[in-house]
Amino acid sequence: MAHRWRRYPKPSLHAPLLRGRALGRKEYVSPEQAQGKELTGASDIYSLGVVLYEATTGKLPFDG
């Protein structure tokens, strides 16, 4: 039986960005991202820490 695969458009680097909008669940967003400040690598480390904490304990570290 032959299957037909849907072809989705390739992601484009020229796609419009969501400027001024938050992306992600509030539980995983770093404080500086929630405040609309400039993001650094520390924001990624914060979010990774939340994910690792949840993976090991089964619950979030803070109430979002």
C-alpha atoms as a PDB file:
ATOM      1  CA  MET A   1       0.000   0.000   0.000  1.00  0.00           C
ATOM      2  CA  ALA A   2       1.498   3.295  -1.035  1.00  0.00           C
ATOM      3  CA  HIS A   3       1.427   6.134   1.457  1.00  0.00           C
ATOM      4  CA  ARG A   4       1.244   9.748   0.546  1.00  0.00           C
ATOM      5  CA  TRP A   5       3.329  12.011   2.655  1.00  0.00           C
ATOM      6  CA  ARG A   6       2.330  15.573   3.234  1.00  0.00           C
ATOM      7  CA  ARG A   7       4.926  18.053   2.250  1.00  0.00           C
ATOM      8  CA  TYR A   8       5.283  20.894   4.686  1.00  0.00           C
ATOM      9  CA  PRO A   9       7.018  24.100   3.709  1.00  0.00           C
ATOM     10  CA  LYS A  10      10.627  24.363   4.766  1.00  0.00           C
ATOM     11  CA  PRO A  11      11.276  26.709   7.679  1.00  0.00           C
ATOM     12  CA  SER A  12      12.482  30.030   6.415  1.00  0.00           C
ATOM     13  CA  LEU A  13      15.037  32.292   7.984  1.00  0.00           C
ATOM     14  CA  HIS A  14      13.018  35.139   6.504  1.00  0.00           C
ATOM     15  CA  ALA A  15       9.812  34.241   8.347  1.00  0.00           C
ATOM     16  CA  PRO A  16       8.403  37.059  10.469  1.00  0.00           C
ATOM     17  CA  LEU A  17       9.551  37.014  14.083  1.00  0.00           C
ATOM     18  CA  LEU A  18       7.294  37.375  17.077  1.00  0.00           C
ATOM     19  CA  ARG A  19       8.806  40.569  18.394  1.00  0.00           C
ATOM     20  CA  GLY A  20       7.559  41.684  21.778  1.00  0.00           C
ATOM     21  CA  ARG A  21       5.713  38.432  22.410  1.00  0.00           C
ATOM     22  CA  ALA A  22       6.525  35.723  24.893  1.00  0.00           C
ATOM     23  CA  LEU A  23       7.124  32.266  23.541  1.00  0.00           C
ATOM     24  CA  GLY A  24       6.913  29.280  25.852  1.00  0.00           C
ATOM     25  CA  ARG A  25       5.095  28.226  28.968  1.00  0.00           C
ATOM     26  CA  LYS A  26       5.334  30.593  31.900  1.00  0.00           C
ATOM     27  CA  GLU A  27       6.715  27.873  34.185  1.00  0.00           C
ATOM     28  CA  TYR A  28       9.871  27.577  32.069  1.00  0.00           C
ATOM     29  CA  VAL A  29      10.431  31.240  31.249  1.00  0.00           C
ATOM     30  CA  SER A  30      13.322  32.971  32.998  1.00  0.00           C
ATOM     31  CA  PRO A  31      12.577  36.063  35.077  1.00  0.00           C
ATOM     32  CA  GLU A  32      14.402  38.385  32.646  1.00  0.00           C
ATOM     33  CA  GLN A  33      12.410  36.982  29.732  1.00  0.00           C
ATOM     34  CA  ALA A  34       9.161  37.508  31.631  1.00  0.00           C
ATOM     35  CA  GLN A  35      10.193  41.122  32.278  1.00  0.00           C
ATOM     36  CA  GLY A  36      10.991  41.700  28.603  1.00  0.00           C
ATOM     37  CA  LYS A  37      14.696  42.256  29.230  1.00  0.00           C
ATOM     38  CA  GLU A  38      17.517  41.224  26.909  1.00  0.00           C
ATOM     39  CA  LEU A  39      18.133  37.489  27.037  1.00  0.00           C
ATOM     40  CA  THR A  40      21.488  35.854  27.647  1.00  0.00           C
ATOM     41  CA  GLY A  41      22.735  32.314  28.009  1.00  0.00           C
ATOM     42  CA  ALA A  42      21.672  32.480  31.646  1.00  0.00           C
ATOM     43  CA  SER A  43      18.046  32.433  30.473  1.00  0.00           C
ATOM     44  CA  ASP A  44      18.660  29.093  28.781  1.00  0.00           C
ATOM     45  CA  ILE A  45      20.381  27.707  31.881  1.00  0.00           C
ATOM     46  CA  TYR A  46      17.419  28.770  34.021  1.00  0.00           C
ATOM     47  CA  SER A  47      14.933  27.019  31.726  1.00  0.00           C
ATOM     48  CA  LEU A  48      17.119  23.910  31.547  1.00  0.00           C
ATOM     49  CA  GLY A  49      17.278  23.865  35.337  1.00  0.00           C
ATOM     50  CA  VAL A  50      13.483  23.927  35.542  1.00  0.00           C
ATOM     51  CA  VAL A  51      13.248  21.048  33.064  1.00  0.00           C
ATOM     52  CA  LEU A  52      15.860  18.974  34.936  1.00  0.00           C
ATOM     53  CA  TYR A  53      14.189  19.647  38.284  1.00  0.00           C
ATOM     54  CA  GLU A  54      10.819  18.572  36.913  1.00  0.00           C
ATOM     55  CA  ALA A  55      12.346  15.472  35.305  1.00  0.00           C
ATOM     56  CA  THR A  56      13.918  14.336  38.580  1.00  0.00           C
ATOM     57  CA  THR A  57      11.179  15.268  41.060  1.00  0.00           C
ATOM     58  CA  GLY A  58       8.028  15.108  38.952  1.00  0.00           C
ATOM     59  CA  LYS A  59       6.973  18.619  39.961  1.00  0.00           C
ATOM     60  CA  LEU A  60       7.838  22.195  39.091  1.00  0.00           C
ATOM     61  CA  PRO A  61      10.192  24.132  41.373  1.00  0.00           C
ATOM     62  CA  PHE A  62       7.842  27.147  41.581  1.00  0.00           C
ATOM     63  CA  ASP A  63       4.160  27.851  41.167  1.00  0.00           C
ATOM     64  CA  GLY A  64       3.892  29.741  37.893  1.00  0.00           C
END
